[in-house]
Amino acid sequence: MENKIWYFIVDEKQYGPLAPLAIQNLLKNGRVNENTLVWCQGMENWAPLRNINELMSLVSQSFPPPVPPVILEKPISSHVQQSVTPQYESQLAKPSGIM
């Protein structure tokens, strides 16, 4: 990726200049997203981040892949029942924080 300097708009305010790594950090913390308007030198107009291929590559790098589903052989309730010792069973029926 080229080391372009980027600007972006959030809540009608312009921010920047920022390096691509800074944009990636903003993506991670949710400050910007694919719909955020961005601009760098050489562009005629502001454009949504999703239209900029070099920035979209940062989106996939910013978020880990989805967690695969867990497949249990038995329903969760049977696992819980088996793991609770008799002395604590009465506490399961009470909402936490209530004595």
PDB file of N, CA and C in Angstrom:
ATOM      1  N   MET A   1       0.848  -1.188   0.000  1.00  0.00           N
ATOM      2  CA  MET A   1       0.000   0.000   0.000  1.00  0.00           C
ATOM      3  C   MET A   1       0.886   1.240   0.000  1.00  0.00           C
ATOM      4  N   GLU A   2       0.476   2.195  -0.771  1.00  0.00           N
ATOM      5  CA  GLU A   2       1.207   3.457  -0.813  1.00  0.00           C
ATOM      6  C   GLU A   2       1.062   4.167   0.532  1.00  0.00           C
ATOM      7  N   ASN A   3       2.011   5.031   0.828  1.00  0.00           N
ATOM      8  CA  ASN A   3       1.948   5.794   2.071  1.00  0.00           C
ATOM      9  C   ASN A   3       1.251   7.127   1.852  1.00  0.00           C
ATOM     10  N   LYS A   4       0.003   7.053   1.426  1.00  0.00           N
ATOM     11  CA  LYS A   4      -0.780   8.268   1.226  1.00  0.00           C
ATOM     12  C   LYS A   4      -1.222   8.820   2.569  1.00  0.00           C
ATOM     13  N   ILE A   5      -1.495  10.091   2.572  1.00  0.00           N
ATOM     14  CA  ILE A   5      -2.024  10.749   3.769  1.00  0.00           C
ATOM     15  C   ILE A   5      -3.520  10.946   3.543  1.00  0.00           C
ATOM     16  N   TRP A   6      -4.320  10.508   4.508  1.00  0.00           N
ATOM     17  CA  TRP A   6      -5.773  10.496   4.362  1.00  0.00           C
ATOM     18  C   TRP A   6      -6.447  11.473   5.318  1.00  0.00           C
ATOM     19  N   TYR A   7      -7.602  11.926   4.895  1.00  0.00           N
ATOM     20  CA  TYR A   7      -8.486  12.764   5.703  1.00  0.00           C
ATOM     21  C   TYR A   7      -9.836  12.072   5.735  1.00  0.00           C
ATOM     22  N   PHE A   8     -10.594  12.273   6.802  1.00  0.00           N
ATOM     23  CA  PHE A   8     -11.918  11.674   6.863  1.00  0.00           C
ATOM     24  C   PHE A   8     -12.879  12.628   7.562  1.00  0.00           C
ATOM     25  N   ILE A   9     -14.160  12.385   7.358  1.00  0.00           N
ATOM     26  CA  ILE A   9     -15.206  13.216   7.953  1.00  0.00           C
ATOM     27  C   ILE A   9     -16.070  12.351   8.857  1.00  0.00           C
ATOM     28  N   VAL A  10     -16.239  12.807  10.101  1.00  0.00           N
ATOM     29  CA  VAL A  10     -17.142  12.164  11.063  1.00  0.00           C
ATOM     30  C   VAL A  10     -17.943  13.275  11.723  1.00  0.00           C
ATOM     31  N   ASP A  11     -19.252  13.098  11.777  1.00  0.00           N
ATOM     32  CA  ASP A  11     -20.144  14.105  12.383  1.00  0.00           C
ATOM     33  C   ASP A  11     -19.903  15.492  11.805  1.00  0.00           C
ATOM     34  N   GLU A  12     -19.756  15.536  10.491  1.00  0.00           N
ATOM     35  CA  GLU A  12     -19.577  16.781   9.747  1.00  0.00           C
ATOM     36  C   GLU A  12     -18.293  17.539  10.099  1.00  0.00           C
ATOM     37  N   LYS A  13     -17.333  16.858  10.709  1.00  0.00           N
ATOM     38  CA  LYS A  13     -16.029  17.471  11.021  1.00  0.00           C
ATOM     39  C   LYS A  13     -14.940  16.722  10.272  1.00  0.00           C
ATOM     40  N   GLN A  14     -13.983  17.477   9.756  1.00  0.00           N
ATOM     41  CA  GLN A  14     -12.862  16.891   9.025  1.00  0.00           C
ATOM     42  C   GLN A  14     -11.719  16.577   9.979  1.00  0.00           C
ATOM     43  N   TYR A  15     -11.120  15.396   9.805  1.00  0.00           N
ATOM     44  CA  TYR A  15      -9.977  14.966  10.608  1.00  0.00           C
ATOM     45  C   TYR A  15      -8.855  14.548   9.682  1.00  0.00           C
ATOM     46  N   GLY A  16      -7.632  14.654  10.155  1.00  0.00           N
ATOM     47  CA  GLY A  16      -6.486  14.250   9.376  1.00  0.00           C
ATOM     48  C   GLY A  16      -5.430  15.331   9.463  1.00  0.00           C
ATOM     49  N   PRO A  17      -4.308  15.140   8.880  1.00  0.00           N
ATOM     50  CA  PRO A  17      -3.911  14.018   8.024  1.00  0.00           C
ATOM     51  C   PRO A  17      -3.578  12.762   8.835  1.00  0.00           C
ATOM     52  N   LEU A  18      -3.865  11.606   8.238  1.00  0.00           N
ATOM     53  CA  LEU A  18      -3.614  10.329   8.893  1.00  0.00           C
ATOM     54  C   LEU A  18      -2.954   9.348   7.929  1.00  0.00           C
ATOM     55  N   ALA A  19      -2.055   8.556   8.459  1.00  0.00           N
ATOM     56  CA  ALA A  19      -1.452   7.465   7.701  1.00  0.00           C
ATOM     57  C   ALA A  19      -2.421   6.281   7.696  1.00  0.00           C
ATOM     58  N   PRO A  20      -2.267   5.352   6.754  1.00  0.00           N
ATOM     59  CA  PRO A  20      -3.159   4.188   6.703  1.00  0.00           C
ATOM     60  C   PRO A  20      -3.238   3.408   8.014  1.00  0.00           C
ATOM     61  N   LEU A  21      -2.127   3.282   8.740  1.00  0.00           N
ATOM     62  CA  LEU A  21      -2.150   2.551  10.009  1.00  0.00           C
ATOM     63  C   LEU A  21      -3.090   3.220  11.010  1.00  0.00           C
ATOM     64  N   ALA A  22      -3.118   4.543  11.015  1.00  0.00           N
ATOM     65  CA  ALA A  22      -4.027   5.267  11.902  1.00  0.00           C
ATOM     66  C   ALA A  22      -5.480   5.020  11.504  1.00  0.00           C
ATOM     67  N   ILE A  23      -5.748   4.953  10.202  1.00  0.00           N
ATOM     68  CA  ILE A  23      -7.100   4.638   9.725  1.00  0.00           C
ATOM     69  C   ILE A  23      -7.486   3.237  10.192  1.00  0.00           C
ATOM     70  N   GLN A  24      -6.553   2.314  10.113  1.00  0.00           N
ATOM     71  CA  GLN A  24      -6.827   0.945  10.556  1.00  0.00           C
ATOM     72  C   GLN A  24      -7.192   0.914  12.041  1.00  0.00           C
ATOM     73  N   ASN A  25      -6.492   1.685  12.855  1.00  0.00           N
ATOM     74  CA  ASN A  25      -6.815   1.746  14.286  1.00  0.00           C
ATOM     75  C   ASN A  25      -8.195   2.348  14.514  1.00  0.00           C
ATOM     76  N   LEU A  26      -8.559   3.350  13.722  1.00  0.00           N
ATOM     77  CA  LEU A  26      -9.889   3.949  13.834  1.00  0.00           C
ATOM     78  C   LEU A  26     -10.980   2.952  13.433  1.00  0.00           C
ATOM     79  N   LEU A  27     -10.679   2.107  12.466  1.00  0.00           N
ATOM     80  CA  LEU A  27     -11.619   1.055  12.079  1.00  0.00           C
ATOM     81  C   LEU A  27     -11.810   0.058  13.216  1.00  0.00           C
ATOM     82  N   LYS A  28     -10.701  -0.314  13.853  1.00  0.00           N
ATOM     83  CA  LYS A  28     -10.762  -1.278  14.955  1.00  0.00           C
ATOM     84  C   LYS A  28     -11.613  -0.769  16.104  1.00  0.00           C
ATOM     85  N   ASN A  29     -11.486   0.516  16.434  1.00  0.00           N
ATOM     86  CA  ASN A  29     -12.232   1.029  17.582  1.00  0.00           C
ATOM     87  C   ASN A  29     -13.599   1.592  17.201  1.00  0.00           C
ATOM     88  N   GLY A  30     -13.967   1.472  15.915  1.00  0.00           N
ATOM     89  CA  GLY A  30     -15.297   1.870  15.488  1.00  0.00           C
ATOM     90  C   GLY A  30     -15.485   3.353  15.217  1.00  0.00           C
ATOM     91  N   ARG A  31     -14.435   4.114  15.248  1.00  0.00           N
ATOM     92  CA  ARG A  31     -14.537   5.566  15.002  1.00  0.00           C
ATOM     93  C   ARG A  31     -14.894   5.855  13.548  1.00  0.00           C
ATOM     94  N   VAL A  32     -14.364   5.036  12.625  1.00  0.00           N
ATOM     95  CA  VAL A  32     -14.730   5.128  11.210  1.00  0.00           C
ATOM     96  C   VAL A  32     -15.233   3.765  10.758  1.00  0.00           C
ATOM     97  N   ASN A  33     -15.965   3.755   9.645  1.00  0.00           N
ATOM     98  CA  ASN A  33     -16.447   2.495   9.092  1.00  0.00           C
ATOM     99  C   ASN A  33     -16.451   2.599   7.570  1.00  0.00           C
ATOM    100  N   GLU A  34     -17.040   1.618   6.915  1.00  0.00           N
ATOM    101  CA  GLU A  34     -17.020   1.578   5.456  1.00  0.00           C
ATOM    102  C   GLU A  34     -17.765   2.748   4.815  1.00  0.00           C
ATOM    103  N   ASN A  35     -18.652   3.389   5.554  1.00  0.00           N
ATOM    104  CA  ASN A  35     -19.423   4.504   5.015  1.00  0.00           C
ATOM    105  C   ASN A  35     -18.787   5.865   5.280  1.00  0.00           C
ATOM    106  N   THR A  36     -17.724   5.904   6.045  1.00  0.00           N
ATOM    107  CA  THR A  36     -17.045   7.161   6.359  1.00  0.00           C
ATOM    108  C   THR A  36     -16.461   7.775   5.092  1.00  0.00           C
ATOM    109  N   LEU A  37     -16.672   9.068   4.907  1.00  0.00           N
ATOM    110  CA  LEU A  37     -16.101   9.769   3.752  1.00  0.00           C
ATOM    111  C   LEU A  37     -14.614  10.008   3.979  1.00  0.00           C
ATOM    112  N   VAL A  38     -13.821   9.686   2.955  1.00  0.00           N
ATOM    113  CA  VAL A  38     -12.364   9.864   3.028  1.00  0.00           C
ATOM    114  C   VAL A  38     -11.885  10.602   1.783  1.00  0.00           C
ATOM    115  N   TRP A  39     -10.692  11.180   1.911  1.00  0.00           N
ATOM    116  CA  TRP A  39     -10.083  11.893   0.798  1.00  0.00           C
ATOM    117  C   TRP A  39      -8.582  11.888   0.981  1.00  0.00           C
ATOM    118  N   CYS A  40      -7.862  11.865  -0.146  1.00  0.00           N
ATOM    119  CA  CYS A  40      -6.410  12.073  -0.135  1.00  0.00           C
ATOM    120  C   CYS A  40      -6.052  12.841  -1.393  1.00  0.00           C
ATOM    121  N   GLN A  41      -4.847  13.377  -1.412  1.00  0.00           N
ATOM    122  CA  GLN A  41      -4.397  14.162  -2.559  1.00  0.00           C
ATOM    123  C   GLN A  41      -4.490  13.309  -3.817  1.00  0.00           C
ATOM    124  N   GLY A  42      -5.015  13.902  -4.884  1.00  0.00           N
ATOM    125  CA  GLY A  42      -5.176  13.186  -6.147  1.00  0.00           C
ATOM    126  C   GLY A  42      -6.617  12.784  -6.412  1.00  0.00           C
ATOM    127  N   MET A  43      -7.451  12.782  -5.364  1.00  0.00           N
ATOM    128  CA  MET A  43      -8.867  12.468  -5.545  1.00  0.00           C
ATOM    129  C   MET A  43      -9.612  13.753  -5.896  1.00  0.00           C
ATOM    130  N   GLU A  44     -10.592  13.635  -6.788  1.00  0.00           N
ATOM    131  CA  GLU A  44     -11.378  14.815  -7.146  1.00  0.00           C
ATOM    132  C   GLU A  44     -12.370  15.173  -6.038  1.00  0.00           C
ATOM    133  N   ASN A  45     -12.989  14.156  -5.428  1.00  0.00           N
ATOM    134  CA  ASN A  45     -14.018  14.379  -4.416  1.00  0.00           C
ATOM    135  C   ASN A  45     -13.858  13.403  -3.259  1.00  0.00           C
ATOM    136  N   TRP A  46     -14.546  13.695  -2.174  1.00  0.00           N
ATOM    137  CA  TRP A  46     -14.623  12.784  -1.041  1.00  0.00           C
ATOM    138  C   TRP A  46     -15.394  11.547  -1.491  1.00  0.00           C
ATOM    139  N   ALA A  47     -15.038  10.391  -0.933  1.00  0.00           N
ATOM    140  CA  ALA A  47     -15.703   9.143  -1.295  1.00  0.00           C
ATOM    141  C   ALA A  47     -15.849   8.268  -0.051  1.00  0.00           C
ATOM    142  N   PRO A  48     -16.864   7.411  -0.029  1.00  0.00           N
ATOM    143  CA  PRO A  48     -16.978   6.471   1.090  1.00  0.00           C
ATOM    144  C   PRO A  48     -15.764   5.544   1.117  1.00  0.00           C
ATOM    145  N   LEU A  49     -15.317   5.227   2.291  1.00  0.00           N
ATOM    146  CA  LEU A  49     -14.154   4.353   2.459  1.00  0.00           C
ATOM    147  C   LEU A  49     -14.331   3.055   1.673  1.00  0.00           C
ATOM    148  N   ARG A  50     -15.565   2.534   1.595  1.00  0.00           N
ATOM    149  CA  ARG A  50     -15.819   1.272   0.894  1.00  0.00           C
ATOM    150  C   ARG A  50     -15.472   1.343  -0.593  1.00  0.00           C
ATOM    151  N   ASN A  51     -15.377   2.548  -1.162  1.00  0.00           N
ATOM    152  CA  ASN A  51     -15.045   2.711  -2.578  1.00  0.00           C
ATOM    153  C   ASN A  51     -13.539   2.814  -2.826  1.00  0.00           C
ATOM    154  N   ILE A  52     -12.748   2.799  -1.769  1.00  0.00           N
ATOM    155  CA  ILE A  52     -11.289   2.946  -1.891  1.00  0.00           C
ATOM    156  C   ILE A  52     -10.650   1.585  -1.609  1.00  0.00           C
ATOM    157  N   ASN A  53     -10.233   0.903  -2.671  1.00  0.00           N
ATOM    158  CA  ASN A  53      -9.699  -0.459  -2.528  1.00  0.00           C
ATOM    159  C   ASN A  53      -8.562  -0.553  -1.516  1.00  0.00           C
ATOM    160  N   GLU A  54      -7.639   0.384  -1.560  1.00  0.00           N
ATOM    161  CA  GLU A  54      -6.490   0.289  -0.659  1.00  0.00           C
ATOM    162  C   GLU A  54      -6.890   0.458   0.809  1.00  0.00           C
ATOM    163  N   LEU A  55      -7.969   1.192   1.090  1.00  0.00           N
ATOM    164  CA  LEU A  55      -8.442   1.311   2.470  1.00  0.00           C
ATOM    165  C   LEU A  55      -9.336   0.132   2.853  1.00  0.00           C
ATOM    166  N   MET A  56     -10.057  -0.415   1.885  1.00  0.00           N
ATOM    167  CA  MET A  56     -10.907  -1.577   2.179  1.00  0.00           C
ATOM    168  C   MET A  56     -10.058  -2.776   2.599  1.00  0.00           C
ATOM    169  N   SER A  57      -8.830  -2.843   2.112  1.00  0.00           N
ATOM    170  CA  SER A  57      -7.953  -3.939   2.550  1.00  0.00           C
ATOM    171  C   SER A  57      -7.675  -3.820   4.046  1.00  0.00           C
ATOM    172  N   LEU A  58      -7.733  -2.596   4.577  1.00  0.00           N
ATOM    173  CA  LEU A  58      -7.532  -2.399   6.018  1.00  0.00           C
ATOM    174  C   LEU A  58      -8.719  -2.929   6.819  1.00  0.00           C
ATOM    175  N   VAL A  59      -9.911  -2.886   6.223  1.00  0.00           N
ATOM    176  CA  VAL A  59     -11.102  -3.369   6.927  1.00  0.00           C
ATOM    177  C   VAL A  59     -10.933  -4.845   7.252  1.00  0.00           C
ATOM    178  N   SER A  60     -10.513  -5.639   6.269  1.00  0.00           N
ATOM    179  CA  SER A  60     -10.361  -7.068   6.515  1.00  0.00           C
ATOM    180  C   SER A  60      -9.224  -7.350   7.489  1.00  0.00           C
ATOM    181  N   GLN A  61      -8.221  -6.475   7.540  1.00  0.00           N
ATOM    182  CA  GLN A  61      -7.117  -6.651   8.480  1.00  0.00           C
ATOM    183  C   GLN A  61      -7.488  -6.192   9.885  1.00  0.00           C
ATOM    184  N   SER A  62      -8.543  -5.388  10.001  1.00  0.00           N
ATOM    185  CA  SER A  62      -8.906  -4.816  11.288  1.00  0.00           C
ATOM    186  C   SER A  62      -9.765  -5.725  12.143  1.00  0.00           C
ATOM    187  N   PHE A  63     -10.442  -6.652  11.515  1.00  0.00           N
ATOM    188  CA  PHE A  63     -11.380  -7.492  12.242  1.00  0.00           C
ATOM    189  C   PHE A  63     -10.984  -8.947  12.095  1.00  0.00           C
ATOM    190  N   PRO A  64     -10.921  -9.679  13.204  1.00  0.00           N
ATOM    191  CA  PRO A  64     -10.599 -11.101  13.107  1.00  0.00           C
ATOM    192  C   PRO A  64     -11.738 -11.846  12.432  1.00  0.00           C
ATOM    193  N   PRO A  65     -11.461 -13.022  11.893  1.00  0.00           N
ATOM    194  CA  PRO A  65     -12.539 -13.788  11.276  1.00  0.00           C
ATOM    195  C   PRO A  65     -13.560 -14.205  12.333  1.00  0.00           C
ATOM    196  N   PRO A  66     -14.785 -14.510  11.911  1.00  0.00           N
ATOM    197  CA  PRO A  66     -15.797 -14.904  12.891  1.00  0.00           C
ATOM    198  C   PRO A  66     -15.398 -16.179  13.618  1.00  0.00           C
ATOM    199  N   VAL A  67     -15.831 -16.279  14.844  1.00  0.00           N
ATOM    200  CA  VAL A  67     -15.557 -17.462  15.652  1.00  0.00           C
ATOM    201  C   VAL A  67     -16.417 -18.604  15.125  1.00  0.00           C
ATOM    202  N   PRO A  68     -15.829 -19.780  14.911  1.00  0.00           N
ATOM    203  CA  PRO A  68     -16.637 -20.892  14.417  1.00  0.00           C
ATOM    204  C   PRO A  68     -17.645 -21.327  15.484  1.00  0.00           C
ATOM    205  N   PRO A  69     -18.779 -21.861  15.048  1.00  0.00           N
ATOM    206  CA  PRO A  69     -19.785 -22.293  16.031  1.00  0.00           C
ATOM    207  C   PRO A  69     -19.277 -23.475  16.851  1.00  0.00           C
ATOM    208  N   VAL A  70     -19.726 -23.545  18.085  1.00  0.00           N
ATOM    209  CA  VAL A  70     -19.382 -24.654  18.967  1.00  0.00           C
ATOM    210  C   VAL A  70     -20.497 -25.678  18.870  1.00  0.00           C
ATOM    211  N   ILE A  71     -20.131 -26.895  18.580  1.00  0.00           N
ATOM    212  CA  ILE A  71     -21.127 -27.955  18.483  1.00  0.00           C
ATOM    213  C   ILE A  71     -20.970 -28.854  19.699  1.00  0.00           C
ATOM    214  N   LEU A  72     -22.018 -28.907  20.501  1.00  0.00           N
ATOM    215  CA  LEU A  72     -22.014 -29.730  21.710  1.00  0.00           C
ATOM    216  C   LEU A  72     -22.739 -31.038  21.449  1.00  0.00           C
ATOM    217  N   GLU A  73     -22.225 -32.099  22.037  1.00  0.00           N
ATOM    218  CA  GLU A  73     -22.894 -33.391  21.893  1.00  0.00           C
ATOM    219  C   GLU A  73     -24.179 -33.422  22.703  1.00  0.00           C
ATOM    220  N   LYS A  74     -24.197 -32.716  23.827  1.00  0.00           N
ATOM    221  CA  LYS A  74     -25.361 -32.667  24.698  1.00  0.00           C
ATOM    222  C   LYS A  74     -25.804 -31.221  24.811  1.00  0.00           C
ATOM    223  N   PRO A  75     -27.069 -30.972  25.135  1.00  0.00           N
ATOM    224  CA  PRO A  75     -27.500 -29.589  25.356  1.00  0.00           C
ATOM    225  C   PRO A  75     -26.694 -28.950  26.484  1.00  0.00           C
ATOM    226  N   ILE A  76     -26.536 -27.639  26.425  1.00  0.00           N
ATOM    227  CA  ILE A  76     -25.768 -26.917  27.432  1.00  0.00           C
ATOM    228  C   ILE A  76     -26.293 -27.206  28.830  1.00  0.00           C
ATOM    229  N   SER A  77     -27.603 -27.288  29.002  1.00  0.00           N
ATOM    230  CA  SER A  77     -28.163 -27.511  30.332  1.00  0.00           C
ATOM    231  C   SER A  77     -27.653 -28.807  30.944  1.00  0.00           C
ATOM    232  N   SER A  78     -27.438 -29.857  30.142  1.00  0.00           N
ATOM    233  CA  SER A  78     -26.929 -31.097  30.713  1.00  0.00           C
ATOM    234  C   SER A  78     -25.472 -30.951  31.127  1.00  0.00           C
ATOM    235  N   HIS A  79     -24.702 -30.126  30.409  1.00  0.00           N
ATOM    236  CA  HIS A  79     -23.317 -29.875  30.805  1.00  0.00           C
ATOM    237  C   HIS A  79     -23.278 -29.098  32.118  1.00  0.00           C
ATOM    238  N   VAL A  80     -24.167 -28.129  32.271  1.00  0.00           N
ATOM    239  CA  VAL A  80     -24.211 -27.326  33.489  1.00  0.00           C
ATOM    240  C   VAL A  80     -24.623 -28.201  34.665  1.00  0.00           C
ATOM    241  N   GLN A  81     -25.632 -28.995  34.493  1.00  0.00           N
ATOM    242  CA  GLN A  81     -26.105 -29.846  35.577  1.00  0.00           C
ATOM    243  C   GLN A  81     -25.002 -30.794  36.053  1.00  0.00           C
ATOM    244  N   GLN A  82     -24.235 -31.323  35.128  1.00  0.00           N
ATOM    245  CA  GLN A  82     -23.185 -32.260  35.499  1.00  0.00           C
ATOM    246  C   GLN A  82     -22.026 -31.568  36.193  1.00  0.00           C
ATOM    247  N   SER A  83     -21.822 -30.292  35.931  1.00  0.00           N
ATOM    248  CA  SER A  83     -20.658 -29.624  36.492  1.00  0.00           C
ATOM    249  C   SER A  83     -20.938 -28.927  37.825  1.00  0.00           C
ATOM    250  N   VAL A  84     -22.188 -28.879  38.274  1.00  0.00           N
ATOM    251  CA  VAL A  84     -22.533 -28.204  39.523  1.00  0.00           C
ATOM    252  C   VAL A  84     -22.538 -29.223  40.654  1.00  0.00           C
ATOM    253  N   THR A  85     -21.801 -28.892  41.704  1.00  0.00           N
ATOM    254  CA  THR A  85     -21.792 -29.790  42.853  1.00  0.00           C
ATOM    255  C   THR A  85     -23.045 -29.542  43.685  1.00  0.00           C
ATOM    256  N   PRO A  86     -23.554 -30.553  44.387  1.00  0.00           N
ATOM    257  CA  PRO A  86     -24.808 -30.425  45.133  1.00  0.00           C
ATOM    258  C   PRO A  86     -24.839 -29.245  46.096  1.00  0.00           C
ATOM    259  N   GLN A  87     -23.734 -28.888  46.727  1.00  0.00           N
ATOM    260  CA  GLN A  87     -23.741 -27.803  47.707  1.00  0.00           C
ATOM    261  C   GLN A  87     -24.030 -26.439  47.082  1.00  0.00           C
ATOM    262  N   TYR A  88     -23.867 -26.296  45.756  1.00  0.00           N
ATOM    263  CA  TYR A  88     -24.106 -25.022  45.094  1.00  0.00           C
ATOM    264  C   TYR A  88     -25.410 -24.988  44.293  1.00  0.00           C
ATOM    265  N   GLU A  89     -26.144 -26.073  44.215  1.00  0.00           N
ATOM    266  CA  GLU A  89     -27.360 -26.129  43.409  1.00  0.00           C
ATOM    267  C   GLU A  89     -28.387 -25.090  43.835  1.00  0.00           C
ATOM    268  N   SER A  90     -28.530 -24.842  45.143  1.00  0.00           N
ATOM    269  CA  SER A  90     -29.530 -23.882  45.606  1.00  0.00           C
ATOM    270  C   SER A  90     -29.208 -22.469  45.134  1.00  0.00           C
ATOM    271  N   GLN A  91     -27.936 -22.154  44.911  1.00  0.00           N
ATOM    272  CA  GLN A  91     -27.551 -20.816  44.473  1.00  0.00           C
ATOM    273  C   GLN A  91     -27.882 -20.575  42.995  1.00  0.00           C
ATOM    274  N   LEU A  92     -28.014 -21.637  42.217  1.00  0.00           N
ATOM    275  CA  LEU A  92     -28.338 -21.478  40.810  1.00  0.00           C
ATOM    276  C   LEU A  92     -29.748 -20.951  40.612  1.00  0.00           C
ATOM    277  N   ALA A  93     -30.642 -21.248  41.541  1.00  0.00           N
ATOM    278  CA  ALA A  93     -32.043 -20.836  41.393  1.00  0.00           C
ATOM    279  C   ALA A  93     -32.230 -19.359  41.732  1.00  0.00           C
ATOM    280  N   LYS A  94     -31.284 -18.737  42.444  1.00  0.00           N
ATOM    281  CA  LYS A  94     -31.407 -17.331  42.849  1.00  0.00           C
ATOM    282  C   LYS A  94     -30.692 -16.434  41.845  1.00  0.00           C
ATOM    283  N   PRO A  95     -31.296 -15.299  41.497  1.00  0.00           N
ATOM    284  CA  PRO A  95     -30.549 -14.338  40.664  1.00  0.00           C
ATOM    285  C   PRO A  95     -29.320 -13.849  41.420  1.00  0.00           C
ATOM    286  N   SER A  96     -28.269 -13.538  40.696  1.00  0.00           N
ATOM    287  CA  SER A  96     -27.035 -13.095  41.350  1.00  0.00           C
ATOM    288  C   SER A  96     -27.270 -11.800  42.110  1.00  0.00           C
ATOM    289  N   GLY A  97     -26.605 -11.688  43.223  1.00  0.00           N
ATOM    290  CA  GLY A  97     -26.708 -10.485  44.038  1.00  0.00           C
ATOM    291  C   GLY A  97     -27.852 -10.526  45.045  1.00  0.00           C
ATOM    292  N   ILE A  98     -28.706 -11.541  44.992  1.00  0.00           N
ATOM    293  CA  ILE A  98     -29.815 -11.651  45.948  1.00  0.00           C
ATOM    294  C   ILE A  98     -29.504 -12.777  46.918  1.00  0.00           C
ATOM    295  N   MET A  99     -29.564 -12.482  48.163  1.00  0.00           N
ATOM    296  CA  MET A  99     -29.277 -13.492  49.174  1.00  0.00           C
ATOM    297  C   MET A  99     -30.536 -14.095  49.726  1.00  0.00           C
TER     298      MET A  99
END
